[in-house]
Amino acid sequence: MAHLVDARGAACPQPVIRTRNALKEHDEVLTIVDNETSQHNVAKMAEKLGFSVQIETKEDGMYLHISKPAQQDAEAHVHPAAPTPAAPVAGPLVLVIPDERMGRGEPELGDILIRAFFHTLSEVSPMPDTIIFFNSGVKLVAEGSQVVDDLIALRDAGVEILACGTCLGFYALKESVKVGEISNMYTIAETMLRAGKVISL
């Protein structure tokens, strides 16, 4: 019997994350979603992992029947292949966050996207070695931030988190930092210049 993942009403990227986690432990998974975007994203992820996907549309949602093709051997059936990891960079991977929101446009949408990004970050590979927050991005490491728990999980997984001290002072947030190290521009510049790759949102 297929393991059920009822992801109706779940915000992106939860349907993908929950389905992928289920596929690590179950031979067959039935995921139910309520929108075409989630249907597409879940199906694409499962197919990338080598699973077959059959989609059934009903009045109460879209049912994705996910299973390994019969011709694959038993070992692969129990242990689905992980996606091909990105080629390693020659040096640390540094992620730079200069804003409390993701992208430009509607602030509400930017808040949703930044929450989804950090919630997803611990589920993908490779994770960054260091995340640097500056300008209004430092608000994300302070009390009241909706991504603090995700940042704590990343820190506990070995990701170094640096927050610009000048920026925290500007926003009067030095006493409100919940995760990460209060850093300085010398350390931030040195970390970025010594990185194998720097990605800025």
N, C-alpha and C. Protein backbone atom coordinates (compact mmCIF):
# COMPACT_ATOMS: atom_id res chain seq x y z
N MET A 1 0.84 -1.19 0.00
CA MET A 1 0.00 0.00 0.00
C MET A 1 0.88 1.24 0.00
N ALA A 2 0.54 2.20 -0.82
CA ALA A 2 1.35 3.41 -0.96
C ALA A 2 1.26 4.27 0.30
N HIS A 3 2.39 4.87 0.64
CA HIS A 3 2.42 5.81 1.76
C HIS A 3 1.75 7.11 1.32
N LEU A 4 0.87 7.64 2.14
CA LEU A 4 0.10 8.83 1.77
C LEU A 4 0.78 10.11 2.25
N VAL A 5 0.92 11.06 1.33
CA VAL A 5 1.37 12.41 1.66
C VAL A 5 0.27 13.36 1.20
N ASP A 6 -0.51 13.83 2.14
CA ASP A 6 -1.60 14.77 1.81
C ASP A 6 -1.05 16.18 1.93
N ALA A 7 -0.68 16.76 0.79
CA ALA A 7 -0.06 18.09 0.78
C ALA A 7 -1.03 19.17 0.31
N ARG A 8 -2.31 18.89 0.35
CA ARG A 8 -3.28 19.91 -0.02
C ARG A 8 -3.23 21.05 0.98
N GLY A 9 -3.15 22.26 0.45
CA GLY A 9 -3.07 23.44 1.31
C GLY A 9 -1.67 23.78 1.78
N ALA A 10 -0.71 22.91 1.49
CA ALA A 10 0.67 23.16 1.91
C ALA A 10 1.35 24.14 0.96
N ALA A 11 2.05 25.10 1.53
CA ALA A 11 2.73 26.11 0.72
C ALA A 11 3.99 25.53 0.10
N CYS A 12 4.36 26.06 -1.05
CA CYS A 12 5.62 25.72 -1.69
C CYS A 12 6.77 26.04 -0.74
N PRO A 13 7.76 25.16 -0.57
CA PRO A 13 8.02 23.91 -1.30
C PRO A 13 7.63 22.67 -0.51
N GLN A 14 6.71 22.78 0.45
CA GLN A 14 6.39 21.66 1.32
C GLN A 14 5.95 20.40 0.59
N PRO A 15 5.10 20.48 -0.46
CA PRO A 15 4.72 19.24 -1.14
C PRO A 15 5.93 18.47 -1.68
N VAL A 16 6.91 19.19 -2.22
CA VAL A 16 8.11 18.54 -2.75
C VAL A 16 8.94 17.95 -1.63
N ILE A 17 9.17 18.72 -0.58
CA ILE A 17 10.01 18.25 0.53
C ILE A 17 9.38 17.03 1.20
N ARG A 18 8.09 17.10 1.47
CA ARG A 18 7.43 15.99 2.17
C ARG A 18 7.40 14.73 1.31
N THR A 19 7.20 14.91 0.01
CA THR A 19 7.21 13.75 -0.88
C THR A 19 8.59 13.14 -0.98
N ARG A 20 9.59 13.99 -1.14
CA ARG A 20 10.96 13.48 -1.26
C ARG A 20 11.38 12.72 0.00
N ASN A 21 11.03 13.25 1.17
CA ASN A 21 11.36 12.57 2.41
C ASN A 21 10.65 11.22 2.50
N ALA A 22 9.40 11.18 2.03
CA ALA A 22 8.66 9.92 2.06
C ALA A 22 9.29 8.89 1.13
N LEU A 23 9.81 9.34 -0.01
CA LEU A 23 10.42 8.43 -0.97
C LEU A 23 11.72 7.82 -0.45
N LYS A 24 12.31 8.42 0.55
CA LYS A 24 13.52 7.86 1.14
C LYS A 24 13.21 6.62 1.96
N GLU A 25 11.95 6.48 2.40
CA GLU A 25 11.59 5.40 3.31
C GLU A 25 10.54 4.45 2.77
N HIS A 26 9.88 4.82 1.67
CA HIS A 26 8.79 4.01 1.17
C HIS A 26 8.96 3.71 -0.32
N ASP A 27 8.55 2.49 -0.71
CA ASP A 27 8.66 2.07 -2.10
C ASP A 27 7.67 2.80 -3.00
N GLU A 28 6.49 3.04 -2.46
CA GLU A 28 5.45 3.72 -3.23
C GLU A 28 4.85 4.84 -2.39
N VAL A 29 4.59 5.95 -3.04
CA VAL A 29 4.03 7.11 -2.34
C VAL A 29 2.87 7.67 -3.15
N LEU A 30 1.81 8.01 -2.46
CA LEU A 30 0.68 8.70 -3.07
C LEU A 30 0.64 10.11 -2.50
N THR A 31 0.92 11.09 -3.33
CA THR A 31 0.88 12.49 -2.90
C THR A 31 -0.35 13.17 -3.48
N ILE A 32 -1.07 13.88 -2.62
CA ILE A 32 -2.25 14.61 -3.05
C ILE A 32 -1.96 16.10 -2.93
N VAL A 33 -2.16 16.84 -4.01
CA VAL A 33 -1.97 18.29 -4.01
C VAL A 33 -3.23 18.94 -4.57
N ASP A 34 -3.29 20.27 -4.44
CA ASP A 34 -4.51 20.95 -4.87
C ASP A 34 -4.26 22.05 -5.89
N ASN A 35 -3.07 22.04 -6.52
CA ASN A 35 -2.81 23.04 -7.56
C ASN A 35 -1.80 22.48 -8.56
N GLU A 36 -1.85 23.04 -9.77
CA GLU A 36 -1.02 22.52 -10.85
C GLU A 36 0.47 22.75 -10.63
N THR A 37 0.81 23.85 -9.96
CA THR A 37 2.23 24.12 -9.70
C THR A 37 2.83 23.04 -8.82
N SER A 38 2.14 22.70 -7.74
CA SER A 38 2.63 21.64 -6.86
C SER A 38 2.67 20.30 -7.59
N GLN A 39 1.66 20.05 -8.40
CA GLN A 39 1.63 18.81 -9.18
C GLN A 39 2.87 18.71 -10.07
N HIS A 40 3.17 19.79 -10.77
CA HIS A 40 4.32 19.80 -11.68
C HIS A 40 5.62 19.63 -10.90
N ASN A 41 5.77 20.36 -9.79
CA ASN A 41 7.02 20.32 -9.04
C ASN A 41 7.28 18.96 -8.41
N VAL A 42 6.23 18.35 -7.85
CA VAL A 42 6.38 17.03 -7.24
C VAL A 42 6.72 15.98 -8.31
N ALA A 43 6.00 16.04 -9.42
CA ALA A 43 6.25 15.07 -10.49
C ALA A 43 7.66 15.20 -11.04
N LYS A 44 8.11 16.42 -11.24
CA LYS A 44 9.45 16.65 -11.78
C LYS A 44 10.52 16.12 -10.83
N MET A 45 10.34 16.38 -9.53
CA MET A 45 11.29 15.89 -8.54
C MET A 45 11.35 14.37 -8.53
N ALA A 46 10.17 13.73 -8.53
CA ALA A 46 10.12 12.27 -8.47
C ALA A 46 10.75 11.64 -9.71
N GLU A 47 10.45 12.20 -10.86
CA GLU A 47 11.02 11.66 -12.11
C GLU A 47 12.53 11.85 -12.15
N LYS A 48 13.01 12.94 -11.59
CA LYS A 48 14.45 13.18 -11.54
C LYS A 48 15.15 12.14 -10.67
N LEU A 49 14.44 11.64 -9.66
CA LEU A 49 14.99 10.61 -8.78
C LEU A 49 14.85 9.21 -9.38
N GLY A 50 14.21 9.11 -10.55
CA GLY A 50 14.09 7.81 -11.20
C GLY A 50 12.77 7.10 -10.97
N PHE A 51 11.80 7.79 -10.39
CA PHE A 51 10.49 7.18 -10.15
C PHE A 51 9.57 7.42 -11.34
N SER A 52 8.57 6.56 -11.46
CA SER A 52 7.51 6.80 -12.43
C SER A 52 6.36 7.49 -11.72
N VAL A 53 5.65 8.34 -12.44
CA VAL A 53 4.57 9.13 -11.84
C VAL A 53 3.32 9.01 -12.70
N GLN A 54 2.24 8.65 -12.07
CA GLN A 54 0.94 8.65 -12.73
C GLN A 54 0.04 9.63 -12.00
N ILE A 55 -0.61 10.50 -12.76
CA ILE A 55 -1.40 11.58 -12.17
C ILE A 55 -2.88 11.33 -12.43
N GLU A 56 -3.65 11.43 -11.37
CA GLU A 56 -5.09 11.24 -11.45
C GLU A 56 -5.77 12.49 -10.88
N THR A 57 -6.59 13.14 -11.67
CA THR A 57 -7.27 14.35 -11.23
C THR A 57 -8.67 14.00 -10.73
N LYS A 58 -8.95 14.40 -9.49
CA LYS A 58 -10.26 14.18 -8.89
C LYS A 58 -10.83 15.51 -8.42
N GLU A 59 -12.06 15.48 -7.96
CA GLU A 59 -12.70 16.71 -7.50
C GLU A 59 -11.99 17.31 -6.30
N ASP A 60 -11.42 16.46 -5.46
CA ASP A 60 -10.81 16.95 -4.22
C ASP A 60 -9.30 17.12 -4.33
N GLY A 61 -8.74 16.99 -5.52
CA GLY A 61 -7.31 17.22 -5.65
C GLY A 61 -6.68 16.43 -6.78
N MET A 62 -5.38 16.57 -6.89
CA MET A 62 -4.60 15.86 -7.91
C MET A 62 -3.78 14.79 -7.20
N TYR A 63 -3.96 13.55 -7.62
CA TYR A 63 -3.35 12.40 -6.97
C TYR A 63 -2.14 11.95 -7.80
N LEU A 64 -0.97 11.98 -7.20
CA LEU A 64 0.25 11.55 -7.88
C LEU A 64 0.67 10.19 -7.32
N HIS A 65 0.56 9.16 -8.14
CA HIS A 65 0.96 7.81 -7.76
C HIS A 65 2.42 7.64 -8.17
N ILE A 66 3.30 7.54 -7.20
CA ILE A 66 4.74 7.55 -7.45
C ILE A 66 5.33 6.20 -7.06
N SER A 67 6.06 5.58 -7.99
CA SER A 67 6.66 4.28 -7.71
C SER A 67 7.87 4.07 -8.60
N LYS A 68 8.71 3.11 -8.19
CA LYS A 68 9.86 2.74 -9.01
C LYS A 68 9.39 1.87 -10.17
N PRO A 69 9.96 2.06 -11.36
CA PRO A 69 9.64 1.17 -12.47
C PRO A 69 9.95 -0.27 -12.11
N ALA A 70 9.14 -1.21 -12.56
CA ALA A 70 9.27 -2.61 -12.18
C ALA A 70 10.61 -3.20 -12.58
N GLN A 71 11.24 -2.72 -13.65
CA GLN A 71 12.47 -3.33 -14.13
C GLN A 71 13.68 -2.99 -13.29
N GLN A 72 13.55 -1.98 -12.41
CA GLN A 72 14.70 -1.63 -11.59
C GLN A 72 14.88 -2.65 -10.49
N ASP A 73 16.12 -2.90 -10.10
CA ASP A 73 16.40 -3.97 -9.14
C ASP A 73 15.91 -3.60 -7.75
N ALA A 74 15.87 -4.60 -6.88
CA ALA A 74 15.29 -4.42 -5.55
C ALA A 74 16.05 -3.40 -4.73
N GLU A 75 17.36 -3.39 -4.86
CA GLU A 75 18.14 -2.44 -4.06
C GLU A 75 17.81 -1.01 -4.42
N ALA A 76 17.73 -0.73 -5.71
CA ALA A 76 17.38 0.62 -6.15
C ALA A 76 15.96 0.95 -5.76
N HIS A 77 15.12 -0.11 -5.69
CA HIS A 77 13.72 0.09 -5.34
C HIS A 77 13.58 0.58 -3.90
N VAL A 78 14.44 0.04 -3.04
CA VAL A 78 14.37 0.41 -1.63
C VAL A 78 15.13 1.69 -1.35
N HIS A 79 16.22 1.89 -2.09
CA HIS A 79 17.06 3.06 -1.86
C HIS A 79 17.12 3.90 -3.12
N PRO A 80 16.17 4.82 -3.30
CA PRO A 80 16.17 5.63 -4.51
C PRO A 80 17.44 6.43 -4.66
N ALA A 81 17.89 6.54 -5.89
CA ALA A 81 19.13 7.27 -6.15
C ALA A 81 18.95 8.74 -5.84
N ALA A 82 19.97 9.31 -5.23
CA ALA A 82 19.93 10.74 -4.93
C ALA A 82 20.19 11.51 -6.21
N PRO A 83 19.67 12.75 -6.29
CA PRO A 83 19.95 13.55 -7.47
C PRO A 83 21.44 13.81 -7.60
N THR A 84 21.90 13.94 -8.83
CA THR A 84 23.32 14.19 -9.06
C THR A 84 23.73 15.50 -8.42
N PRO A 85 24.70 15.47 -7.50
CA PRO A 85 25.08 16.71 -6.82
C PRO A 85 25.78 17.65 -7.77
N ALA A 86 25.69 18.92 -7.45
CA ALA A 86 26.38 19.92 -8.26
C ALA A 86 27.89 19.72 -8.13
N ALA A 87 28.61 20.08 -9.18
CA ALA A 87 30.06 19.94 -9.15
C ALA A 87 30.63 20.79 -8.01
N PRO A 88 31.53 20.22 -7.21
CA PRO A 88 32.08 20.97 -6.09
C PRO A 88 32.88 22.18 -6.56
N VAL A 89 32.82 23.24 -5.76
CA VAL A 89 33.60 24.42 -6.09
C VAL A 89 34.94 24.33 -5.39
N ALA A 90 35.95 25.03 -5.94
CA ALA A 90 37.29 24.99 -5.37
C ALA A 90 37.39 26.02 -4.25
N GLY A 91 36.78 25.73 -3.14
CA GLY A 91 36.76 26.65 -2.02
C GLY A 91 35.38 26.74 -1.43
N PRO A 92 35.23 27.45 -0.32
CA PRO A 92 33.93 27.53 0.36
C PRO A 92 32.86 28.18 -0.52
N LEU A 93 31.64 27.71 -0.32
CA LEU A 93 30.47 28.30 -0.99
C LEU A 93 29.85 29.31 -0.02
N VAL A 94 29.79 30.56 -0.43
CA VAL A 94 29.30 31.63 0.44
C VAL A 94 28.01 32.21 -0.14
N LEU A 95 27.00 32.29 0.69
CA LEU A 95 25.71 32.86 0.30
C LEU A 95 25.56 34.22 0.97
N VAL A 96 25.25 35.24 0.19
CA VAL A 96 25.14 36.61 0.70
C VAL A 96 23.68 37.05 0.67
N ILE A 97 23.19 37.53 1.80
CA ILE A 97 21.79 37.95 1.93
C ILE A 97 21.76 39.45 2.28
N PRO A 98 21.54 40.32 1.29
CA PRO A 98 21.57 41.76 1.56
C PRO A 98 20.21 42.38 1.87
N ASP A 99 19.17 41.55 1.92
CA ASP A 99 17.82 42.10 2.08
C ASP A 99 16.99 41.15 2.92
N GLU A 100 16.02 41.70 3.64
CA GLU A 100 15.14 40.87 4.46
C GLU A 100 14.10 40.14 3.63
N ARG A 101 13.97 40.51 2.36
CA ARG A 101 13.02 39.87 1.46
C ARG A 101 13.76 39.31 0.25
N MET A 102 13.08 38.47 -0.50
CA MET A 102 13.69 37.87 -1.68
C MET A 102 13.09 38.48 -2.94
N GLY A 103 13.96 39.03 -3.78
CA GLY A 103 13.50 39.61 -5.03
C GLY A 103 12.94 41.00 -4.86
N ARG A 104 12.55 41.58 -5.98
CA ARG A 104 11.97 42.91 -5.99
C ARG A 104 10.50 42.82 -6.39
N GLY A 105 9.72 43.74 -5.91
CA GLY A 105 8.30 43.72 -6.23
C GLY A 105 7.48 43.83 -4.96
N GLU A 106 6.42 43.05 -4.87
CA GLU A 106 5.52 43.12 -3.73
C GLU A 106 6.22 42.63 -2.46
N PRO A 107 6.26 43.45 -1.40
CA PRO A 107 6.91 43.04 -0.15
C PRO A 107 6.34 41.75 0.43
N GLU A 108 5.02 41.58 0.36
CA GLU A 108 4.41 40.38 0.93
C GLU A 108 4.92 39.12 0.22
N LEU A 109 5.04 39.21 -1.10
CA LEU A 109 5.56 38.07 -1.86
C LEU A 109 7.02 37.82 -1.52
N GLY A 110 7.78 38.90 -1.36
CA GLY A 110 9.19 38.76 -0.98
C GLY A 110 9.36 38.06 0.36
N ASP A 111 8.46 38.34 1.31
CA ASP A 111 8.49 37.67 2.61
C ASP A 111 8.22 36.17 2.46
N ILE A 112 7.23 35.84 1.64
CA ILE A 112 6.89 34.43 1.41
C ILE A 112 8.06 33.69 0.78
N LEU A 113 8.70 34.33 -0.20
CA LEU A 113 9.79 33.67 -0.91
C LEU A 113 11.01 33.45 -0.03
N ILE A 114 11.34 34.43 0.81
CA ILE A 114 12.53 34.26 1.65
C ILE A 114 12.30 33.17 2.69
N ARG A 115 11.07 33.07 3.20
CA ARG A 115 10.76 31.98 4.13
C ARG A 115 10.89 30.63 3.45
N ALA A 116 10.34 30.53 2.24
CA ALA A 116 10.42 29.27 1.50
C ALA A 116 11.86 28.91 1.17
N PHE A 117 12.65 29.92 0.83
CA PHE A 117 14.05 29.67 0.46
C PHE A 117 14.82 29.06 1.62
N PHE A 118 14.73 29.67 2.79
CA PHE A 118 15.51 29.17 3.92
C PHE A 118 14.96 27.85 4.44
N HIS A 119 13.66 27.64 4.29
CA HIS A 119 13.10 26.36 4.71
C HIS A 119 13.59 25.24 3.79
N THR A 120 13.84 25.58 2.54
CA THR A 120 14.29 24.59 1.56
C THR A 120 15.79 24.36 1.62
N LEU A 121 16.54 25.35 2.06
CA LEU A 121 18.00 25.33 1.95
C LEU A 121 18.63 24.12 2.62
N SER A 122 18.08 23.69 3.75
CA SER A 122 18.66 22.55 4.46
C SER A 122 18.33 21.23 3.78
N GLU A 123 17.45 21.26 2.77
CA GLU A 123 17.04 20.04 2.09
C GLU A 123 17.78 19.82 0.78
N VAL A 124 18.59 20.78 0.36
CA VAL A 124 19.26 20.67 -0.93
C VAL A 124 20.76 20.50 -0.74
N SER A 125 21.42 20.15 -1.83
CA SER A 125 22.87 19.95 -1.79
C SER A 125 23.49 20.63 -3.01
N PRO A 126 24.64 21.31 -2.81
CA PRO A 126 25.35 21.46 -1.54
C PRO A 126 24.79 22.62 -0.72
N MET A 127 24.88 22.49 0.59
CA MET A 127 24.54 23.61 1.45
C MET A 127 25.71 24.59 1.45
N PRO A 128 25.44 25.87 1.68
CA PRO A 128 26.54 26.83 1.74
C PRO A 128 27.42 26.57 2.96
N ASP A 129 28.67 26.95 2.86
CA ASP A 129 29.57 26.87 4.02
C ASP A 129 29.33 28.04 4.96
N THR A 130 29.04 29.20 4.36
CA THR A 130 28.83 30.42 5.15
C THR A 130 27.67 31.21 4.55
N ILE A 131 26.84 31.79 5.42
CA ILE A 131 25.81 32.72 4.98
C ILE A 131 26.10 34.06 5.64
N ILE A 132 26.19 35.11 4.82
CA ILE A 132 26.49 36.45 5.32
C ILE A 132 25.25 37.32 5.17
N PHE A 133 24.84 37.95 6.25
CA PHE A 133 23.70 38.86 6.25
C PHE A 133 24.19 40.29 6.43
N PHE A 134 23.77 41.17 5.54
CA PHE A 134 24.09 42.59 5.75
C PHE A 134 22.94 43.45 5.26
N ASN A 135 23.08 44.77 5.48
CA ASN A 135 21.99 45.71 5.23
C ASN A 135 20.73 45.18 5.92
N SER A 136 19.56 45.31 5.32
CA SER A 136 18.34 44.88 6.01
C SER A 136 18.24 43.37 6.14
N GLY A 137 19.14 42.64 5.48
CA GLY A 137 19.15 41.19 5.63
C GLY A 137 19.41 40.75 7.06
N VAL A 138 20.07 41.61 7.86
CA VAL A 138 20.36 41.23 9.25
C VAL A 138 19.09 41.06 10.08
N LYS A 139 17.99 41.61 9.61
CA LYS A 139 16.73 41.45 10.35
C LYS A 139 16.32 39.98 10.41
N LEU A 140 16.82 39.18 9.49
CA LEU A 140 16.45 37.76 9.44
C LEU A 140 17.07 36.94 10.57
N VAL A 141 18.14 37.45 11.18
CA VAL A 141 18.78 36.70 12.28
C VAL A 141 18.31 37.18 13.64
N ALA A 142 17.42 38.16 13.66
CA ALA A 142 17.01 38.79 14.91
C ALA A 142 15.66 38.28 15.40
N GLU A 143 15.37 38.60 16.63
CA GLU A 143 14.09 38.23 17.23
C GLU A 143 12.93 38.73 16.38
N GLY A 144 11.95 37.87 16.18
CA GLY A 144 10.80 38.23 15.37
C GLY A 144 10.89 37.74 13.94
N SER A 145 12.08 37.31 13.53
CA SER A 145 12.24 36.80 12.17
C SER A 145 11.55 35.44 12.04
N GLN A 146 10.90 35.24 10.90
CA GLN A 146 10.19 33.98 10.67
C GLN A 146 11.10 32.88 10.15
N VAL A 147 12.38 33.19 9.96
CA VAL A 147 13.30 32.15 9.47
C VAL A 147 14.35 31.78 10.51
N VAL A 148 14.21 32.26 11.74
CA VAL A 148 15.20 31.97 12.77
C VAL A 148 15.36 30.47 12.99
N ASP A 149 14.25 29.74 13.07
CA ASP A 149 14.34 28.29 13.31
C ASP A 149 15.08 27.59 12.18
N ASP A 150 14.83 28.02 10.94
CA ASP A 150 15.53 27.43 9.80
C ASP A 150 17.02 27.75 9.85
N LEU A 151 17.36 28.98 10.27
CA LEU A 151 18.77 29.36 10.37
C LEU A 151 19.47 28.59 11.49
N ILE A 152 18.76 28.35 12.58
CA ILE A 152 19.33 27.55 13.67
C ILE A 152 19.62 26.14 13.18
N ALA A 153 18.70 25.58 12.39
CA ALA A 153 18.91 24.24 11.84
C ALA A 153 20.12 24.22 10.92
N LEU A 154 20.29 25.25 10.12
CA LEU A 154 21.45 25.34 9.23
C LEU A 154 22.74 25.47 10.05
N ARG A 155 22.70 26.31 11.07
CA ARG A 155 23.87 26.45 11.94
C ARG A 155 24.24 25.12 12.58
N ASP A 156 23.23 24.40 13.06
CA ASP A 156 23.48 23.11 13.71
C ASP A 156 24.00 22.08 12.72
N ALA A 157 23.72 22.31 11.42
CA ALA A 157 24.22 21.40 10.38
C ALA A 157 25.63 21.78 9.93
N GLY A 158 26.19 22.83 10.53
CA GLY A 158 27.57 23.20 10.23
C GLY A 158 27.75 24.43 9.38
N VAL A 159 26.66 25.13 9.07
CA VAL A 159 26.76 26.34 8.26
C VAL A 159 27.14 27.52 9.15
N GLU A 160 28.18 28.24 8.76
CA GLU A 160 28.59 29.44 9.50
C GLU A 160 27.66 30.60 9.13
N ILE A 161 27.17 31.30 10.14
CA ILE A 161 26.26 32.42 9.90
C ILE A 161 26.88 33.69 10.46
N LEU A 162 27.10 34.67 9.58
CA LEU A 162 27.71 35.94 9.96
C LEU A 162 26.73 37.08 9.70
N ALA A 163 26.61 37.97 10.67
CA ALA A 163 25.74 39.14 10.51
C ALA A 163 26.56 40.41 10.70
N CYS A 164 26.41 41.33 9.78
CA CYS A 164 27.16 42.59 9.81
C CYS A 164 26.83 43.39 11.07
N GLY A 165 27.86 43.65 11.89
CA GLY A 165 27.66 44.38 13.13
C GLY A 165 27.21 45.81 12.91
N THR A 166 27.78 46.48 11.91
CA THR A 166 27.37 47.85 11.60
C THR A 166 25.90 47.91 11.23
N CYS A 167 25.46 46.93 10.46
CA CYS A 167 24.06 46.89 10.02
C CYS A 167 23.14 46.62 11.20
N LEU A 168 23.54 45.71 12.07
CA LEU A 168 22.73 45.43 13.26
C LEU A 168 22.62 46.68 14.13
N GLY A 169 23.73 47.41 14.24
CA GLY A 169 23.71 48.65 15.02
C GLY A 169 22.80 49.68 14.39
N PHE A 170 22.83 49.79 13.08
CA PHE A 170 21.99 50.76 12.37
C PHE A 170 20.51 50.50 12.65
N TYR A 171 20.13 49.22 12.67
CA TYR A 171 18.73 48.86 12.90
C TYR A 171 18.43 48.61 14.38
N ALA A 172 19.41 48.89 15.26
CA ALA A 172 19.24 48.70 16.71
C ALA A 172 18.83 47.26 17.03
N LEU A 173 19.55 46.31 16.44
CA LEU A 173 19.19 44.90 16.61
C LEU A 173 20.29 44.07 17.28
N LYS A 174 21.36 44.70 17.73
CA LYS A 174 22.47 43.92 18.29
C LYS A 174 22.05 43.09 19.50
N GLU A 175 21.11 43.59 20.26
CA GLU A 175 20.66 42.86 21.45
C GLU A 175 19.58 41.84 21.13
N SER A 176 19.17 41.80 19.87
CA SER A 176 18.06 40.92 19.49
C SER A 176 18.48 39.75 18.62
N VAL A 177 19.79 39.59 18.42
CA VAL A 177 20.28 38.51 17.55
C VAL A 177 19.97 37.15 18.17
N LYS A 178 19.36 36.27 17.39
CA LYS A 178 18.97 34.95 17.87
C LYS A 178 19.84 33.83 17.32
N VAL A 179 20.54 34.10 16.23
CA VAL A 179 21.37 33.05 15.63
C VAL A 179 22.52 33.71 14.87
N GLY A 180 23.68 33.08 14.91
CA GLY A 180 24.81 33.58 14.16
C GLY A 180 25.76 34.44 14.97
N GLU A 181 26.83 34.84 14.31
CA GLU A 181 27.89 35.63 14.93
C GLU A 181 27.85 37.07 14.42
N ILE A 182 27.94 38.01 15.34
CA ILE A 182 28.03 39.41 14.94
C ILE A 182 29.44 39.64 14.39
N SER A 183 29.52 40.03 13.13
CA SER A 183 30.80 40.10 12.47
C SER A 183 31.13 41.54 12.07
N ASN A 184 32.24 41.68 11.35
CA ASN A 184 32.70 43.00 10.92
C ASN A 184 33.04 42.96 9.44
N MET A 185 33.22 44.12 8.84
CA MET A 185 33.42 44.17 7.40
C MET A 185 34.74 43.53 6.97
N TYR A 186 35.75 43.56 7.83
CA TYR A 186 37.01 42.90 7.49
C TYR A 186 36.79 41.40 7.30
N THR A 187 36.12 40.78 8.28
CA THR A 187 35.86 39.35 8.20
C THR A 187 34.95 39.01 7.03
N ILE A 188 33.94 39.86 6.82
CA ILE A 188 33.01 39.62 5.72
C ILE A 188 33.73 39.70 4.38
N ALA A 189 34.55 40.74 4.21
CA ALA A 189 35.28 40.90 2.95
C ALA A 189 36.26 39.75 2.74
N GLU A 190 36.96 39.37 3.79
CA GLU A 190 37.92 38.27 3.69
C GLU A 190 37.22 36.96 3.34
N THR A 191 36.07 36.71 3.96
CA THR A 191 35.32 35.49 3.69
C THR A 191 34.86 35.43 2.24
N MET A 192 34.39 36.56 1.72
CA MET A 192 33.91 36.60 0.34
C MET A 192 35.06 36.45 -0.65
N LEU A 193 36.18 37.10 -0.38
CA LEU A 193 37.31 37.06 -1.31
C LEU A 193 38.01 35.71 -1.34
N ARG A 194 37.92 34.97 -0.25
CA ARG A 194 38.54 33.65 -0.19
C ARG A 194 37.59 32.54 -0.61
N ALA A 195 36.37 32.89 -0.91
CA ALA A 195 35.37 31.88 -1.28
C ALA A 195 35.65 31.29 -2.65
N GLY A 196 35.25 30.04 -2.82
CA GLY A 196 35.32 29.44 -4.15
C GLY A 196 34.20 29.97 -5.02
N LYS A 197 33.08 30.29 -4.38
CA LYS A 197 31.93 30.82 -5.11
C LYS A 197 31.08 31.65 -4.16
N VAL A 198 30.64 32.82 -4.63
CA VAL A 198 29.77 33.69 -3.84
C VAL A 198 28.45 33.85 -4.59
N ILE A 199 27.35 33.59 -3.90
CA ILE A 199 26.02 33.74 -4.49
C ILE A 199 25.27 34.79 -3.68
N SER A 200 24.75 35.79 -4.36
CA SER A 200 23.99 36.85 -3.69
C SER A 200 22.54 36.79 -4.14
N LEU A 201 21.63 36.81 -3.18
CA LEU A 201 20.20 36.81 -3.52
C LEU A 201 19.78 38.19 -3.98
